Amino acid sequence: MKDSSIKKDRYSLIDEVEKSIKRHVNNLSFRLLLGVMLILFIVLILVLPKIYLKNEIYYNSRDISKLYNEYSILKEENKVLKQKLEYLRFKNQVLDTIF
């Protein structure tokens, strides 16, 4: 007997929940849906350019960093080559004076 009353209570509770859900779904209007879609569209219009700009800044700064590193390496290499050139000039001048 208790089992049947518990089952009835469960089923009645489930029915009440389903009715409540249907009532809330039916209360949603096309205007509300249109308003939500409009808000989402406005948010996307405002957020997407920011995301695009941040990505562009990131990739440009990464390229700049890479180029600066290459510039530093080439600058050091230039110093080494100048030293070698100076050494060869000195060696050439010394050898010319000896012979």
N, C-alpha and C. Protein backbone atom coordinates (compact mmCIF):
# COMPACT_ATOMS: atom_id res chain seq x y z
N MET A 1 0.82 -1.19 0.00
CA MET A 1 0.00 0.00 0.00
C MET A 1 0.86 1.25 0.00
N LYS A 2 1.90 1.23 0.81
CA LYS A 2 2.78 2.39 0.86
C LYS A 2 3.49 2.59 -0.47
N ASP A 3 3.87 1.47 -1.11
CA ASP A 3 4.56 1.55 -2.39
C ASP A 3 3.70 2.21 -3.45
N SER A 4 2.44 1.89 -3.49
CA SER A 4 1.56 2.47 -4.50
C SER A 4 1.35 3.96 -4.26
N SER A 5 1.25 4.36 -2.99
CA SER A 5 1.08 5.79 -2.70
C SER A 5 2.37 6.55 -3.02
N ILE A 6 3.52 5.94 -2.78
CA ILE A 6 4.80 6.59 -3.10
C ILE A 6 4.94 6.73 -4.60
N LYS A 7 4.53 5.69 -5.35
CA LYS A 7 4.59 5.75 -6.81
C LYS A 7 3.66 6.83 -7.33
N LYS A 8 2.45 6.92 -6.75
CA LYS A 8 1.50 7.95 -7.16
C LYS A 8 2.07 9.34 -6.88
N ASP A 9 2.71 9.49 -5.71
CA ASP A 9 3.32 10.78 -5.37
C ASP A 9 4.44 11.13 -6.36
N ARG A 10 5.23 10.13 -6.69
CA ARG A 10 6.33 10.36 -7.65
C ARG A 10 5.78 10.78 -9.01
N TYR A 11 4.78 10.04 -9.49
CA TYR A 11 4.20 10.34 -10.79
C TYR A 11 3.52 11.71 -10.80
N SER A 12 2.87 12.03 -9.70
CA SER A 12 2.21 13.33 -9.64
C SER A 12 3.26 14.45 -9.60
N LEU A 13 4.37 14.20 -8.90
CA LEU A 13 5.45 15.18 -8.85
C LEU A 13 6.08 15.36 -10.23
N ILE A 14 6.28 14.25 -10.92
CA ILE A 14 6.83 14.32 -12.28
C ILE A 14 5.89 15.07 -13.20
N ASP A 15 4.59 14.80 -13.07
CA ASP A 15 3.60 15.51 -13.90
C ASP A 15 3.63 17.01 -13.63
N GLU A 16 3.74 17.38 -12.36
CA GLU A 16 3.79 18.80 -12.00
C GLU A 16 5.03 19.48 -12.59
N VAL A 17 6.17 18.77 -12.52
CA VAL A 17 7.41 19.32 -13.08
C VAL A 17 7.28 19.49 -14.59
N GLU A 18 6.73 18.51 -15.27
CA GLU A 18 6.54 18.60 -16.71
C GLU A 18 5.61 19.75 -17.08
N LYS A 19 4.54 19.91 -16.32
CA LYS A 19 3.61 21.02 -16.58
C LYS A 19 4.30 22.36 -16.37
N SER A 20 5.10 22.44 -15.33
CA SER A 20 5.83 23.68 -15.04
C SER A 20 6.80 24.01 -16.17
N ILE A 21 7.51 23.00 -16.65
CA ILE A 21 8.45 23.21 -17.75
C ILE A 21 7.71 23.66 -19.00
N LYS A 22 6.59 23.01 -19.31
CA LYS A 22 5.81 23.40 -20.49
C LYS A 22 5.30 24.83 -20.37
N ARG A 23 4.88 25.23 -19.16
CA ARG A 23 4.40 26.60 -18.95
C ARG A 23 5.51 27.61 -19.23
N HIS A 24 6.72 27.29 -18.71
CA HIS A 24 7.84 28.22 -18.90
C HIS A 24 8.27 28.28 -20.36
N VAL A 25 8.23 27.15 -21.05
CA VAL A 25 8.60 27.12 -22.46
C VAL A 25 7.57 27.90 -23.27
N ASN A 26 6.33 27.75 -22.94
CA ASN A 26 5.28 28.47 -23.66
C ASN A 26 5.34 29.97 -23.40
N ASN A 27 5.88 30.37 -22.26
CA ASN A 27 5.99 31.79 -21.95
C ASN A 27 7.09 32.47 -22.75
N LEU A 28 8.03 31.69 -23.29
CA LEU A 28 9.08 32.27 -24.11
C LEU A 28 8.46 32.76 -25.42
N SER A 29 8.66 34.00 -25.70
CA SER A 29 8.06 34.54 -26.91
C SER A 29 9.12 34.75 -27.98
N PHE A 30 8.64 35.00 -29.17
CA PHE A 30 9.54 35.27 -30.29
C PHE A 30 10.31 36.56 -30.04
N ARG A 31 9.67 37.52 -29.40
CA ARG A 31 10.33 38.80 -29.10
C ARG A 31 11.52 38.61 -28.17
N LEU A 32 11.33 37.78 -27.17
CA LEU A 32 12.41 37.51 -26.23
C LEU A 32 13.57 36.82 -26.94
N LEU A 33 13.26 35.85 -27.77
CA LEU A 33 14.29 35.16 -28.53
C LEU A 33 15.01 36.12 -29.46
N LEU A 34 14.27 36.99 -30.11
CA LEU A 34 14.87 37.99 -30.99
C LEU A 34 15.75 38.95 -30.20
N GLY A 35 15.33 39.33 -29.02
CA GLY A 35 16.13 40.22 -28.17
C GLY A 35 17.44 39.57 -27.75
N VAL A 36 17.37 38.31 -27.37
CA VAL A 36 18.58 37.58 -26.97
C VAL A 36 19.53 37.46 -28.16
N MET A 37 19.00 37.14 -29.33
CA MET A 37 19.84 37.02 -30.52
C MET A 37 20.48 38.37 -30.86
N LEU A 38 19.72 39.46 -30.71
CA LEU A 38 20.26 40.79 -30.98
C LEU A 38 21.38 41.14 -30.01
N ILE A 39 21.21 40.83 -28.76
CA ILE A 39 22.25 41.08 -27.76
C ILE A 39 23.50 40.28 -28.08
N LEU A 40 23.34 39.00 -28.43
CA LEU A 40 24.49 38.17 -28.80
C LEU A 40 25.20 38.73 -30.03
N PHE A 41 24.44 39.18 -31.00
CA PHE A 41 25.02 39.76 -32.21
C PHE A 41 25.81 41.02 -31.88
N ILE A 42 25.28 41.87 -31.02
CA ILE A 42 25.98 43.10 -30.62
C ILE A 42 27.26 42.76 -29.87
N VAL A 43 27.18 41.79 -28.98
CA VAL A 43 28.37 41.37 -28.23
C VAL A 43 29.43 40.84 -29.19
N LEU A 44 29.04 40.05 -30.16
CA LEU A 44 30.00 39.53 -31.14
C LEU A 44 30.63 40.66 -31.95
N ILE A 45 29.83 41.64 -32.33
CA ILE A 45 30.36 42.78 -33.09
C ILE A 45 31.39 43.54 -32.26
N LEU A 46 31.17 43.64 -30.96
CA LEU A 46 32.09 44.37 -30.11
C LEU A 46 33.33 43.56 -29.75
N VAL A 47 33.18 42.24 -29.63
CA VAL A 47 34.28 41.41 -29.15
C VAL A 47 35.20 40.93 -30.28
N LEU A 48 34.65 40.60 -31.43
CA LEU A 48 35.46 40.05 -32.52
C LEU A 48 36.59 40.98 -32.98
N PRO A 49 36.36 42.29 -33.14
CA PRO A 49 37.49 43.14 -33.53
C PRO A 49 38.60 43.16 -32.47
N LYS A 50 38.23 43.10 -31.21
CA LYS A 50 39.23 43.08 -30.14
C LYS A 50 40.07 41.82 -30.23
N ILE A 51 39.43 40.69 -30.45
CA ILE A 51 40.15 39.43 -30.59
C ILE A 51 41.07 39.47 -31.81
N TYR A 52 40.56 40.00 -32.91
CA TYR A 52 41.36 40.10 -34.13
C TYR A 52 42.59 40.99 -33.90
N LEU A 53 42.38 42.13 -33.28
CA LEU A 53 43.50 43.04 -33.02
C LEU A 53 44.52 42.43 -32.08
N LYS A 54 44.07 41.75 -31.05
CA LYS A 54 45.01 41.10 -30.13
C LYS A 54 45.84 40.05 -30.85
N ASN A 55 45.20 39.27 -31.72
CA ASN A 55 45.95 38.27 -32.48
C ASN A 55 46.96 38.92 -33.41
N GLU A 56 46.56 39.99 -34.08
CA GLU A 56 47.48 40.69 -34.99
C GLU A 56 48.67 41.26 -34.21
N ILE A 57 48.39 41.87 -33.08
CA ILE A 57 49.47 42.43 -32.26
C ILE A 57 50.41 41.32 -31.82
N TYR A 58 49.86 40.19 -31.41
CA TYR A 58 50.69 39.07 -30.96
C TYR A 58 51.60 38.57 -32.09
N TYR A 59 51.02 38.33 -33.27
CA TYR A 59 51.83 37.81 -34.38
C TYR A 59 52.85 38.84 -34.85
N ASN A 60 52.48 40.11 -34.87
CA ASN A 60 53.44 41.14 -35.27
C ASN A 60 54.57 41.26 -34.27
N SER A 61 54.26 41.21 -32.99
CA SER A 61 55.32 41.31 -31.98
C SER A 61 56.22 40.09 -32.03
N ARG A 62 55.65 38.94 -32.34
CA ARG A 62 56.47 37.73 -32.48
C ARG A 62 57.42 37.86 -33.67
N ASP A 63 56.92 38.41 -34.78
CA ASP A 63 57.78 38.63 -35.95
C ASP A 63 58.86 39.66 -35.65
N ILE A 64 58.49 40.72 -34.95
CA ILE A 64 59.46 41.75 -34.59
C ILE A 64 60.54 41.17 -33.70
N SER A 65 60.15 40.35 -32.75
CA SER A 65 61.12 39.72 -31.86
C SER A 65 62.08 38.82 -32.64
N LYS A 66 61.54 38.05 -33.56
CA LYS A 66 62.37 37.18 -34.39
C LYS A 66 63.35 38.01 -35.22
N LEU A 67 62.87 39.07 -35.84
CA LEU A 67 63.74 39.93 -36.64
C LEU A 67 64.80 40.62 -35.79
N TYR A 68 64.43 41.03 -34.58
CA TYR A 68 65.40 41.68 -33.71
C TYR A 68 66.50 40.70 -33.29
N ASN A 69 66.11 39.45 -33.02
CA ASN A 69 67.11 38.44 -32.68
C ASN A 69 68.06 38.20 -33.85
N GLU A 70 67.52 38.13 -35.05
CA GLU A 70 68.37 37.97 -36.23
C GLU A 70 69.28 39.19 -36.41
N TYR A 71 68.76 40.36 -36.16
CA TYR A 71 69.55 41.58 -36.26
C TYR A 71 70.71 41.55 -35.26
N SER A 72 70.43 41.13 -34.05
CA SER A 72 71.48 41.05 -33.03
C SER A 72 72.56 40.05 -33.43
N ILE A 73 72.15 38.93 -33.95
CA ILE A 73 73.11 37.91 -34.38
C ILE A 73 73.97 38.45 -35.53
N LEU A 74 73.33 39.09 -36.48
CA LEU A 74 74.08 39.64 -37.62
C LEU A 74 75.02 40.76 -37.19
N LYS A 75 74.60 41.54 -36.22
CA LYS A 75 75.45 42.61 -35.71
C LYS A 75 76.72 42.02 -35.07
N GLU A 76 76.55 40.98 -34.27
CA GLU A 76 77.70 40.32 -33.65
C GLU A 76 78.59 39.68 -34.71
N GLU A 77 77.97 39.07 -35.68
CA GLU A 77 78.73 38.46 -36.77
C GLU A 77 79.52 39.52 -37.54
N ASN A 78 78.92 40.67 -37.73
CA ASN A 78 79.60 41.78 -38.41
C ASN A 78 80.82 42.22 -37.61
N LYS A 79 80.70 42.28 -36.30
CA LYS A 79 81.84 42.66 -35.46
C LYS A 79 82.98 41.65 -35.62
N VAL A 80 82.62 40.37 -35.61
CA VAL A 80 83.63 39.33 -35.77
C VAL A 80 84.31 39.45 -37.13
N LEU A 81 83.53 39.68 -38.17
CA LEU A 81 84.09 39.81 -39.52
C LEU A 81 84.98 41.05 -39.64
N LYS A 82 84.59 42.12 -39.00
CA LYS A 82 85.44 43.33 -39.00
C LYS A 82 86.76 43.06 -38.31
N GLN A 83 86.71 42.33 -37.21
CA GLN A 83 87.94 41.98 -36.50
C GLN A 83 88.83 41.11 -37.38
N LYS A 84 88.25 40.15 -38.05
CA LYS A 84 89.02 39.29 -38.95
C LYS A 84 89.63 40.09 -40.10
N LEU A 85 88.83 41.01 -40.63
CA LEU A 85 89.32 41.86 -41.71
C LEU A 85 90.47 42.73 -41.23
N GLU A 86 90.33 43.29 -40.07
CA GLU A 86 91.39 44.12 -39.50
C GLU A 86 92.66 43.30 -39.27
N TYR A 87 92.47 42.10 -38.79
CA TYR A 87 93.62 41.20 -38.58
C TYR A 87 94.31 40.89 -39.92
N LEU A 88 93.50 40.60 -40.95
CA LEU A 88 94.09 40.31 -42.27
C LEU A 88 94.80 41.52 -42.85
N ARG A 89 94.23 42.70 -42.67
CA ARG A 89 94.90 43.92 -43.15
C ARG A 89 96.23 44.13 -42.42
N PHE A 90 96.17 43.96 -41.12
CA PHE A 90 97.40 44.12 -40.34
C PHE A 90 98.44 43.10 -40.77
N LYS A 91 98.01 41.86 -40.91
CA LYS A 91 98.92 40.80 -41.32
C LYS A 91 99.49 41.09 -42.71
N ASN A 92 98.68 41.57 -43.60
CA ASN A 92 99.10 41.90 -44.95
C ASN A 92 100.11 43.04 -44.93
N GLN A 93 99.86 44.07 -44.13
CA GLN A 93 100.78 45.20 -44.05
C GLN A 93 102.11 44.77 -43.42
N VAL A 94 102.06 43.95 -42.41
CA VAL A 94 103.28 43.49 -41.76
C VAL A 94 104.07 42.61 -42.71
N LEU A 95 103.39 41.71 -43.41
CA LEU A 95 104.09 40.83 -44.34
C LEU A 95 104.69 41.61 -45.50
N ASP A 96 104.00 42.66 -45.96
CA ASP A 96 104.52 43.48 -47.05
C ASP A 96 105.78 44.21 -46.62
N THR A 97 105.81 44.64 -45.41
CA THR A 97 107.01 45.37 -44.94
C THR A 97 108.20 44.44 -44.73
N ILE A 98 107.92 43.20 -44.39
CA ILE A 98 109.02 42.25 -44.18
C ILE A 98 109.64 41.84 -45.50
N PHE A 99 108.84 41.61 -46.50
CA PHE A 99 109.37 41.14 -47.78
C PHE A 99 109.63 42.29 -48.64
